[in-house]
Amino acid sequence: SFDGVSANISGEGFSGMKFIAKATPQADYEQWVASVRESGTVLDQDGYKTLAQPTIDAPARYFSASEAGLFNSIVMQYHTPKDMISDQHSGNDGSSHEDSR
């Protein structure tokens, strides 16, 4: 186990952004992933809006999956029509890089 702190000064509560990084055998990691997936907690648009609100000393949260298209819809909030035209010319089709679960 290794103590860690956030490397980004990101506003109120920054000093409380501490964590423990755990190095585990692959089998233990896979067991942890399986337990998170079994939880059935899906991150959807409403859940993301709540999660994106500023917090201080909030505990870690884990999600078994995300709503289809969630990543792309979040990213597209920050694109302007000009960005989208530029993406079309660069060959970027705007498709999501989410893996399907």
C-alpha atoms as a PDB file:
ATOM      1  CA  SER A   1       0.000   0.000   0.000  1.00  0.00           C
ATOM      2  CA  PHE A   2       1.156   3.489  -0.838  1.00  0.00           C
ATOM      3  CA  ASP A   3      -0.214   6.793   0.465  1.00  0.00           C
ATOM      4  CA  GLY A   4      -1.147   9.267  -2.241  1.00  0.00           C
ATOM      5  CA  VAL A   5      -2.494  12.799  -2.588  1.00  0.00           C
ATOM      6  CA  SER A   6      -4.031  14.643  -5.502  1.00  0.00           C
ATOM      7  CA  ALA A   7      -1.439  16.414  -7.631  1.00  0.00           C
ATOM      8  CA  ASN A   8      -3.937  19.035  -8.787  1.00  0.00           C
ATOM      9  CA  ILE A   9      -4.956  22.056  -6.737  1.00  0.00           C
ATOM     10  CA  SER A  10      -8.627  21.926  -7.575  1.00  0.00           C
ATOM     11  CA  GLY A  11     -10.402  24.171  -5.127  1.00  0.00           C
ATOM     12  CA  GLU A  12     -11.956  23.864  -1.711  1.00  0.00           C
ATOM     13  CA  GLY A  13     -11.315  20.472  -0.156  1.00  0.00           C
ATOM     14  CA  PHE A  14      -8.060  19.945  -2.067  1.00  0.00           C
ATOM     15  CA  SER A  15      -6.139  19.171   1.116  1.00  0.00           C
ATOM     16  CA  GLY A  16      -8.466  16.232   1.825  1.00  0.00           C
ATOM     17  CA  MET A  17      -7.888  14.520  -1.531  1.00  0.00           C
ATOM     18  CA  LYS A  18      -5.852  11.633  -0.203  1.00  0.00           C
ATOM     19  CA  PHE A  19      -5.970   7.974  -1.148  1.00  0.00           C
ATOM     20  CA  ILE A  20      -4.214   4.658  -0.680  1.00  0.00           C
ATOM     21  CA  ALA A  21      -2.918   2.908  -3.803  1.00  0.00           C
ATOM     22  CA  LYS A  22      -2.903  -0.838  -3.257  1.00  0.00           C
ATOM     23  CA  ALA A  23      -0.651  -3.175  -5.221  1.00  0.00           C
ATOM     24  CA  THR A  24      -2.342  -6.582  -5.274  1.00  0.00           C
ATOM     25  CA  PRO A  25      -1.928  -9.890  -7.052  1.00  0.00           C
ATOM     26  CA  GLN A  26      -3.866 -10.112 -10.353  1.00  0.00           C
ATOM     27  CA  ALA A  27      -6.349 -12.604  -8.872  1.00  0.00           C
ATOM     28  CA  ASP A  28      -7.244 -10.216  -6.025  1.00  0.00           C
ATOM     29  CA  TYR A  29      -7.704  -7.357  -8.496  1.00  0.00           C
ATOM     30  CA  GLU A  30      -9.976  -9.488 -10.693  1.00  0.00           C
ATOM     31  CA  GLN A  31     -12.018 -10.457  -7.629  1.00  0.00           C
ATOM     32  CA  TRP A  32     -12.434  -6.756  -6.749  1.00  0.00           C
ATOM     33  CA  VAL A  33     -13.519  -5.938 -10.319  1.00  0.00           C
ATOM     34  CA  ALA A  34     -16.052  -8.776 -10.220  1.00  0.00           C
ATOM     35  CA  SER A  35     -17.501  -7.501  -6.919  1.00  0.00           C
ATOM     36  CA  VAL A  36     -17.898  -3.986  -8.346  1.00  0.00           C
ATOM     37  CA  ARG A  37     -19.601  -5.352 -11.473  1.00  0.00           C
ATOM     38  CA  GLU A  38     -21.935  -7.468  -9.345  1.00  0.00           C
ATOM     39  CA  SER A  39     -23.044  -4.369  -7.420  1.00  0.00           C
ATOM     40  CA  GLY A  40     -25.231  -3.408 -10.371  1.00  0.00           C
ATOM     41  CA  THR A  41     -24.689   0.322  -9.780  1.00  0.00           C
ATOM     42  CA  VAL A  42     -24.916   1.950 -13.216  1.00  0.00           C
ATOM     43  CA  LEU A  43     -23.736   5.518 -13.759  1.00  0.00           C
ATOM     44  CA  ASP A  44     -26.399   7.349 -15.747  1.00  0.00           C
ATOM     45  CA  GLN A  45     -26.871  10.989 -16.770  1.00  0.00           C
ATOM     46  CA  ASP A  46     -28.648  11.959 -13.518  1.00  0.00           C
ATOM     47  CA  GLY A  47     -26.045  10.137 -11.422  1.00  0.00           C
ATOM     48  CA  TYR A  48     -23.257  11.895 -13.311  1.00  0.00           C
ATOM     49  CA  LYS A  49     -24.825  15.307 -12.630  1.00  0.00           C
ATOM     50  CA  THR A  50     -24.817  14.485  -8.922  1.00  0.00           C
ATOM     51  CA  LEU A  51     -21.293  13.056  -9.048  1.00  0.00           C
ATOM     52  CA  ALA A  52     -19.980  16.153 -10.869  1.00  0.00           C
ATOM     53  CA  GLN A  53     -21.070  18.499  -8.072  1.00  0.00           C
ATOM     54  CA  PRO A  54     -18.241  19.805  -5.872  1.00  0.00           C
ATOM     55  CA  THR A  55     -17.784  17.863  -2.640  1.00  0.00           C
ATOM     56  CA  ILE A  56     -15.383  17.813   0.264  1.00  0.00           C
ATOM     57  CA  ASP A  57     -14.084  14.525   1.688  1.00  0.00           C
ATOM     58  CA  ALA A  58     -16.570  12.437  -0.323  1.00  0.00           C
ATOM     59  CA  PRO A  59     -15.904   8.698  -0.256  1.00  0.00           C
ATOM     60  CA  ALA A  60     -14.894   6.828  -3.406  1.00  0.00           C
ATOM     61  CA  ARG A  61     -17.792   5.505  -5.467  1.00  0.00           C
ATOM     62  CA  TYR A  62     -17.720   2.583  -7.856  1.00  0.00           C
ATOM     63  CA  PHE A  63     -19.963   1.785 -10.819  1.00  0.00           C
ATOM     64  CA  SER A  64     -20.517  -1.539 -12.525  1.00  0.00           C
ATOM     65  CA  ALA A  65     -21.249   0.089 -15.879  1.00  0.00           C
ATOM     66  CA  SER A  66     -22.250   3.364 -17.482  1.00  0.00           C
ATOM     67  CA  GLU A  67     -25.319   4.316 -19.445  1.00  0.00           C
ATOM     68  CA  ALA A  68     -24.808   3.835 -23.183  1.00  0.00           C
ATOM     69  CA  GLY A  69     -23.445   7.035 -24.748  1.00  0.00           C
ATOM     70  CA  LEU A  70     -22.784   8.775 -21.413  1.00  0.00           C
ATOM     71  CA  PHE A  71     -19.123   9.535 -22.117  1.00  0.00           C
ATOM     72  CA  ASN A  72     -19.902  11.005 -25.536  1.00  0.00           C
ATOM     73  CA  SER A  73     -22.764  13.144 -24.199  1.00  0.00           C
ATOM     74  CA  ILE A  74     -20.500  14.587 -21.490  1.00  0.00           C
ATOM     75  CA  VAL A  75     -17.707  15.373 -23.951  1.00  0.00           C
ATOM     76  CA  MET A  76     -20.134  16.930 -26.430  1.00  0.00           C
ATOM     77  CA  GLN A  77     -21.247  19.448 -23.771  1.00  0.00           C
ATOM     78  CA  TYR A  78     -17.886  21.137 -24.263  1.00  0.00           C
ATOM     79  CA  HIS A  79     -17.773  21.078 -28.071  1.00  0.00           C
ATOM     80  CA  THR A  80     -18.846  24.013 -30.159  1.00  0.00           C
ATOM     81  CA  PRO A  81     -20.237  23.679 -33.689  1.00  0.00           C
ATOM     82  CA  LYS A  82     -16.811  24.856 -34.926  1.00  0.00           C
ATOM     83  CA  ASP A  83     -15.154  21.944 -33.070  1.00  0.00           C
ATOM     84  CA  MET A  84     -17.536  19.484 -34.679  1.00  0.00           C
ATOM     85  CA  ILE A  85     -16.734  20.772 -38.184  1.00  0.00           C
ATOM     86  CA  SER A  86     -13.029  20.460 -37.383  1.00  0.00           C
ATOM     87  CA  ASP A  87     -13.585  16.871 -36.178  1.00  0.00           C
ATOM     88  CA  GLN A  88     -15.324  15.973 -39.436  1.00  0.00           C
ATOM     89  CA  HIS A  89     -12.365  17.241 -41.456  1.00  0.00           C
ATOM     90  CA  SER A  90      -9.862  15.413 -39.263  1.00  0.00           C
ATOM     91  CA  GLY A  91     -11.630  12.089 -39.664  1.00  0.00           C
ATOM     92  CA  ASN A  92     -12.789  11.972 -36.044  1.00  0.00           C
ATOM     93  CA  ASP A  93     -16.345  10.681 -36.228  1.00  0.00           C
ATOM     94  CA  GLY A  94     -17.086  11.585 -32.610  1.00  0.00           C
ATOM     95  CA  SER A  95     -17.793   7.996 -31.711  1.00  0.00           C
ATOM     96  CA  SER A  96     -17.361   6.956 -28.135  1.00  0.00           C
ATOM     97  CA  HIS A  97     -14.372   4.987 -26.927  1.00  0.00           C
ATOM     98  CA  GLU A  98     -16.477   3.344 -24.204  1.00  0.00           C
ATOM     99  CA  ASP A  99     -16.190  -0.383 -23.978  1.00  0.00           C
ATOM    100  CA  SER A 100     -19.456  -2.278 -23.965  1.00  0.00           C
ATOM    101  CA  ARG A 101     -20.263  -4.219 -20.875  1.00  0.00           C
END
